[in-house]
């Protein structure tokens, strides 16, 4: 079961599960439409649940009795979580707690998808944030995700929490993720603002989904950081995306800025780069740098 099959990552998780040969994949989103960009498949079942109501999700779990669960439902906008912290709490804390309790009672494998944005308020002990570093979120999104992680680890000790970085890649024409949102904004004639002092370890979304599904098949528990190998600023990533899609003079298409100049230092952490040493030791899924992935992007 993929809870959160309608977002940016969700359809890629569904495709990865089908590609892995799962006999039945239950894709759960608000509506009954198939996940965007996922073609019909005899093993695919679409179910509709509003994930803001954990009891509804529990009833669906009782009906379906899944052998494994990936929980990726989220209010993945920092601004939206600031405006509606109650919705963030329901999706990021109450829902994971309910699903974790269900999975523990039924002995069901659970992977919770989390984020690098549980960090940023305190520096890492090493060069990048490792699984041993305590969370230090700076905004409502990060705080709610960190609380959800804690609930899952407490209620289902055998579960795995996979923290993902900034994701880019194909969103089936929906303008989601770091690349499609940038390309859509430029196509509308906008000049997006990209920060040269905000650092991430970006990963292509299909690779992230494949890694999550591979981790689901292991018995790993606790925390796992899955990220790209390169530490890049948002500006560097954005320019690489534009160049890969045929913008020879990518610079004029965007506004180079800093978090301070935009008055956003308090709500956008400077560096949440993840250490992926544990993932490299556990997974075979290639975790490639954007330059390598984008080399084959359509111009």
Protein backbone atom coordinates (compact mmCIF):
# COMPACT_ATOMS: atom_id res chain seq x y z
CA UNK A 1 0.00 0.00 0.00
CA UNK A 2 1.25 3.45 -0.98
CA UNK A 3 -0.39 6.10 1.22
CA UNK A 4 0.10 9.40 -0.58
CA UNK A 5 0.06 8.16 -4.17
CA UNK A 6 -1.09 11.45 -5.64
CA UNK A 7 1.84 13.71 -4.79
CA UNK A 8 5.18 14.20 -6.53
CA UNK A 9 6.88 11.09 -5.14
CA UNK A 10 3.77 8.89 -4.88
CA UNK A 11 3.27 7.93 -8.55
CA UNK A 12 6.94 7.00 -8.79
CA UNK A 13 6.55 4.76 -5.75
CA UNK A 14 3.58 3.08 -7.41
CA UNK A 15 5.52 2.51 -10.63
CA UNK A 16 8.49 1.14 -8.69
CA UNK A 17 6.26 -1.28 -6.79
CA UNK A 18 4.65 -2.51 -10.00
CA UNK A 19 8.06 -2.85 -11.67
CA UNK A 20 9.24 -4.91 -8.70
CA UNK A 21 6.47 -7.41 -9.40
CA UNK A 22 4.19 -6.77 -6.43
CA UNK A 23 1.06 -8.92 -6.90
CA UNK A 24 -1.17 -6.06 -5.72
CA UNK A 25 -0.39 -2.38 -5.29
CA UNK A 26 -2.98 -0.25 -3.51
CA UNK A 27 -2.48 3.40 -4.45
CA UNK A 28 -4.18 5.65 -1.90
CA UNK A 29 -4.93 9.29 -2.58
CA UNK A 30 -7.84 11.70 -2.07
CA UNK A 31 -9.59 10.84 -5.31
CA UNK A 32 -10.24 7.58 -7.15
CA UNK A 33 -8.31 8.63 -10.26
CA UNK A 34 -5.17 6.56 -10.94
CA UNK A 35 -1.92 8.18 -9.82
CA UNK A 36 -0.75 10.74 -12.41
CA UNK A 37 1.46 9.29 -15.09
CA UNK A 38 0.84 5.67 -14.05
CA UNK A 39 -0.68 3.56 -16.84
CA UNK A 40 -3.36 0.97 -16.06
CA UNK A 41 -2.04 -2.28 -14.64
CA UNK A 42 -3.84 -5.46 -13.53
CA UNK A 43 -2.04 -5.36 -10.17
CA UNK A 44 -2.95 -1.73 -9.46
CA UNK A 45 -5.92 -0.79 -7.27
CA UNK A 46 -6.84 2.83 -6.56
CA UNK A 47 -8.46 3.71 -3.24
CA UNK A 48 -9.63 7.13 -2.04
CA UNK A 49 -8.95 8.35 1.50
CA UNK A 50 -8.49 11.82 2.91
CA UNK A 51 -5.24 11.32 4.82
CA UNK A 52 -6.06 14.24 7.11
CA UNK A 53 -8.38 11.84 8.92
CA UNK A 54 -6.29 9.00 10.38
CA UNK A 55 -9.32 6.90 11.36
CA UNK A 56 -10.30 6.67 7.70
CA UNK A 57 -6.81 5.43 6.88
CA UNK A 58 -7.05 2.84 9.66
CA UNK A 59 -10.37 1.56 8.28
CA UNK A 60 -8.77 1.18 4.85
CA UNK A 61 -5.86 -0.73 6.38
CA UNK A 62 -8.34 -3.05 8.08
CA UNK A 63 -10.07 -3.67 4.75
CA UNK A 64 -6.95 -4.20 2.66
CA UNK A 65 -4.64 -5.90 5.20
CA UNK A 66 -1.49 -4.90 3.28
CA UNK A 67 1.72 -6.87 3.66
CA UNK A 68 3.78 -3.68 3.51
CA UNK A 69 3.10 0.05 3.73
CA UNK A 70 4.90 3.11 2.42
CA UNK A 71 3.59 6.28 4.02
CA UNK A 72 4.47 9.27 1.84
CA UNK A 73 1.38 11.47 2.37
CA UNK A 74 2.42 14.98 3.31
CA UNK A 75 1.60 18.65 3.20
CA UNK A 76 4.88 19.23 1.42
CA UNK A 77 4.79 23.02 1.32
CA UNK A 78 6.62 24.94 4.02
CA UNK A 79 4.30 27.91 3.50
CA UNK A 80 1.15 25.75 3.69
CA UNK A 81 2.31 24.21 6.97
CA UNK A 82 2.95 27.67 8.40
CA UNK A 83 -0.54 28.80 7.41
CA UNK A 84 -2.29 25.60 8.56
CA UNK A 85 -0.26 23.94 11.32
CA UNK A 86 -3.27 21.81 12.30
CA UNK A 87 -3.33 20.16 8.87
CA UNK A 88 0.42 19.61 9.14
CA UNK A 89 -0.04 17.98 12.54
CA UNK A 90 -2.76 15.66 11.26
CA UNK A 91 -0.81 14.56 8.19
CA UNK A 92 2.69 14.45 9.66
CA UNK A 93 2.05 13.35 13.25
CA UNK A 94 -1.40 11.85 13.78
CA UNK A 95 -1.48 9.85 10.54
CA UNK A 96 2.01 8.31 10.99
CA UNK A 97 1.17 7.47 14.61
CA UNK A 98 -2.04 5.73 13.58
CA UNK A 99 -0.38 3.80 10.76
CA UNK A 100 2.56 2.85 12.97
CA UNK A 101 0.22 1.53 15.68
CA UNK A 102 -1.68 -0.50 13.08
CA UNK A 103 1.50 -1.90 11.55
CA UNK A 104 2.88 -2.88 14.96
CA UNK A 105 -0.34 -4.68 15.90
CA UNK A 106 -0.37 -6.60 12.61
CA UNK A 107 3.35 -7.20 12.17
CA UNK A 108 3.33 -5.25 8.90
CA UNK A 109 6.44 -3.74 7.36
CA UNK A 110 6.30 0.09 7.38
CA UNK A 111 8.46 2.74 5.75
CA UNK A 112 7.76 6.39 6.56
CA UNK A 113 9.03 8.93 4.05
CA UNK A 114 10.48 11.98 5.77
CA UNK A 115 12.64 14.93 4.82
CA UNK A 116 16.04 16.60 5.16
CA UNK A 117 14.17 19.62 6.51
CA UNK A 118 14.04 18.08 9.98
CA UNK A 119 17.53 19.63 10.14
CA UNK A 120 18.96 23.12 9.76
CA UNK A 121 18.71 24.70 13.19
CA UNK A 122 21.98 23.25 14.48
CA UNK A 123 25.05 22.21 12.46
CA UNK A 124 25.82 18.54 11.78
CA UNK A 125 28.48 16.79 13.80
CA UNK A 126 30.28 15.89 10.59
CA UNK A 127 30.42 17.42 7.13
CA UNK A 128 26.77 16.48 6.42
CA UNK A 129 23.82 15.39 8.52
CA UNK A 130 24.03 11.71 9.45
CA UNK A 131 21.32 9.54 10.98
CA UNK A 132 22.86 10.07 14.42
CA UNK A 133 22.41 13.85 14.30
CA UNK A 134 19.43 15.04 16.36
CA UNK A 135 16.68 16.87 14.46
CA UNK A 136 16.83 20.67 14.58
CA UNK A 137 13.95 21.95 12.44
CA UNK A 138 13.44 25.67 11.87
CA UNK A 139 9.80 25.77 10.69
CA UNK A 140 6.40 24.12 11.16
CA UNK A 141 6.92 21.67 8.31
CA UNK A 142 10.19 20.37 9.73
CA UNK A 143 8.89 20.29 13.30
CA UNK A 144 5.79 18.30 12.36
CA UNK A 145 7.80 15.84 10.27
CA UNK A 146 10.28 15.35 13.13
CA UNK A 147 7.40 14.71 15.54
CA UNK A 148 5.95 12.15 13.12
CA UNK A 149 9.29 10.39 12.89
CA UNK A 150 9.48 10.17 16.68
CA UNK A 151 5.94 8.76 16.89
CA UNK A 152 6.67 6.04 14.32
CA UNK A 153 9.93 5.01 15.95
CA UNK A 154 8.24 4.83 19.36
CA UNK A 155 5.12 2.96 18.26
CA UNK A 156 6.69 0.68 15.63
CA UNK A 157 10.35 0.05 16.51
CA UNK A 158 10.79 -2.20 13.47
CA UNK A 159 9.72 0.52 11.04
CA UNK A 160 12.14 2.44 8.85
CA UNK A 161 12.13 6.22 8.44
CA UNK A 162 13.67 7.26 5.11
CA UNK A 163 14.70 10.90 4.96
CA UNK A 164 14.79 12.26 1.43
CA UNK A 165 16.35 15.48 0.11
CA UNK A 166 15.10 18.00 -2.42
CA UNK A 167 13.69 15.95 -5.31
CA UNK A 168 13.63 16.82 -9.00
CA UNK A 169 12.43 15.03 -12.13
CA UNK A 170 9.27 14.14 -14.01
CA UNK A 171 5.97 15.20 -12.42
CA UNK A 172 3.74 14.12 -15.32
CA UNK A 173 3.22 17.70 -16.45
CA UNK A 174 2.06 19.00 -13.05
CA UNK A 175 4.89 21.46 -12.39
CA UNK A 176 5.97 19.74 -9.16
CA UNK A 177 9.46 19.19 -7.78
CA UNK A 178 12.59 21.26 -8.14
CA UNK A 179 12.92 20.89 -11.91
CA UNK A 180 9.37 20.88 -13.28
CA UNK A 181 8.31 23.78 -11.05
CA UNK A 182 11.29 25.83 -12.27
CA UNK A 183 10.68 24.99 -15.92
CA UNK A 184 6.97 25.78 -15.60
CA UNK A 185 7.71 29.16 -14.01
CA UNK A 186 10.16 30.09 -16.77
CA UNK A 187 7.64 28.97 -19.41
CA UNK A 188 5.10 31.36 -17.85
CA UNK A 189 7.55 34.23 -18.34
CA UNK A 190 8.48 34.48 -14.66
CA UNK A 191 12.00 34.97 -13.35
CA UNK A 192 12.28 32.58 -10.38
CA UNK A 193 14.47 33.54 -7.44
CA UNK A 194 17.16 30.97 -6.63
CA UNK A 195 19.40 31.17 -3.58
CA UNK A 196 23.15 30.73 -3.81
CA UNK A 197 23.39 30.25 -0.02
CA UNK A 198 20.91 27.39 0.39
CA UNK A 199 22.50 23.95 0.08
CA UNK A 200 20.91 20.54 -0.48
CA UNK A 201 21.88 17.05 -1.74
CA UNK A 202 19.23 16.74 -4.52
CA UNK A 203 18.08 13.40 -5.90
CA UNK A 204 16.05 12.44 -8.97
CA UNK A 205 12.55 11.38 -7.93
CA UNK A 206 12.42 8.01 -9.71
CA UNK A 207 15.71 7.00 -8.07
CA UNK A 208 14.33 8.10 -4.70
CA UNK A 209 11.24 5.93 -5.23
CA UNK A 210 13.33 2.93 -6.27
CA UNK A 211 15.51 3.35 -3.19
CA UNK A 212 12.49 3.56 -0.88
CA UNK A 213 11.00 0.39 -2.37
CA UNK A 214 14.35 -1.39 -2.10
CA UNK A 215 14.63 -0.32 1.54
CA UNK A 216 11.09 -1.59 2.15
CA UNK A 217 12.25 -5.07 1.14
CA UNK A 218 15.02 -5.08 3.76
CA UNK A 219 14.69 -5.54 7.50
CA UNK A 220 16.44 -2.24 8.23
CA UNK A 221 14.86 -0.21 11.03
CA UNK A 222 15.42 3.23 12.48
CA UNK A 223 16.64 6.01 10.21
CA UNK A 224 18.05 6.02 6.70
CA UNK A 225 19.26 9.01 4.68
CA UNK A 226 18.75 8.58 0.93
CA UNK A 227 20.16 11.47 -1.10
CA UNK A 228 22.28 12.48 -4.03
CA UNK A 229 26.08 12.46 -3.77
CA UNK A 230 26.58 16.14 -4.67
CA UNK A 231 26.05 19.10 -2.35
CA UNK A 232 24.59 21.86 -4.52
CA UNK A 233 23.06 25.26 -3.93
CA UNK A 234 19.54 25.86 -5.17
CA UNK A 235 21.08 28.23 -7.72
CA UNK A 236 23.56 25.63 -9.00
CA UNK A 237 20.82 23.03 -9.33
CA UNK A 238 18.46 25.44 -11.08
CA UNK A 239 21.05 26.54 -13.62
CA UNK A 240 21.98 22.90 -14.32
CA UNK A 241 18.30 22.09 -14.94
CA UNK A 242 17.82 25.02 -17.31
CA UNK A 243 21.00 24.25 -19.25
CA UNK A 244 19.96 20.59 -19.59
CA UNK A 245 16.66 21.71 -21.10
CA UNK A 246 18.24 23.92 -23.74
CA UNK A 247 18.56 27.31 -22.01
CA UNK A 248 22.03 28.27 -23.20
CA UNK A 249 21.98 31.52 -21.20
CA UNK A 250 20.31 30.13 -18.09
CA UNK A 251 21.47 32.94 -15.80
CA UNK A 252 19.20 35.72 -17.16
CA UNK A 253 16.16 33.46 -16.74
CA UNK A 254 16.45 33.44 -12.94
CA UNK A 255 17.11 35.93 -10.18
CA UNK A 256 20.22 35.08 -8.17
CA UNK A 257 19.71 35.94 -4.53
CA UNK A 258 20.49 35.07 -0.92
CA UNK A 259 18.19 34.12 1.92
CA UNK A 260 19.21 37.29 3.76
CA UNK A 261 18.41 39.54 0.82
CA UNK A 262 14.99 37.92 0.59
CA UNK A 263 14.41 38.23 4.35
CA UNK A 264 14.08 34.43 4.63
CA UNK A 265 17.04 33.42 6.79
CA UNK A 266 14.82 32.38 9.68
CA UNK A 267 12.54 30.10 7.63
CA UNK A 268 14.94 28.57 5.10
CA UNK A 269 17.89 26.64 6.58
CA UNK A 270 21.23 27.30 4.94
CA UNK A 271 22.38 23.70 4.60
CA UNK A 272 20.53 20.42 5.16
CA UNK A 273 22.86 18.21 3.11
CA UNK A 274 22.50 14.53 4.00
CA UNK A 275 25.20 11.92 4.54
CA UNK A 276 24.31 8.84 2.50
CA UNK A 277 26.96 6.43 3.80
CA UNK A 278 24.41 4.09 5.37
CA UNK A 279 22.29 4.05 2.22
CA UNK A 280 25.30 3.21 0.06
CA UNK A 281 26.06 0.27 2.33
CA UNK A 282 22.46 -0.99 2.31
CA UNK A 283 21.08 -0.29 -1.17
CA UNK A 284 22.04 -1.12 -4.75
CA UNK A 285 19.87 1.60 -6.33
CA UNK A 286 22.19 4.12 -8.05
CA UNK A 287 22.08 7.51 -6.31
CA UNK A 288 23.46 9.74 -9.03
CA UNK A 289 24.43 13.41 -9.17
CA UNK A 290 22.19 15.83 -11.12
CA UNK A 291 24.83 16.44 -13.76
CA UNK A 292 24.80 12.75 -14.66
CA UNK A 293 21.01 12.44 -14.59
CA UNK A 294 20.33 15.64 -16.52
CA UNK A 295 22.76 14.75 -19.29
CA UNK A 296 19.95 12.94 -21.07
CA UNK A 297 17.25 15.55 -20.42
CA UNK A 298 15.26 16.70 -23.47
CA UNK A 299 16.38 20.08 -24.84
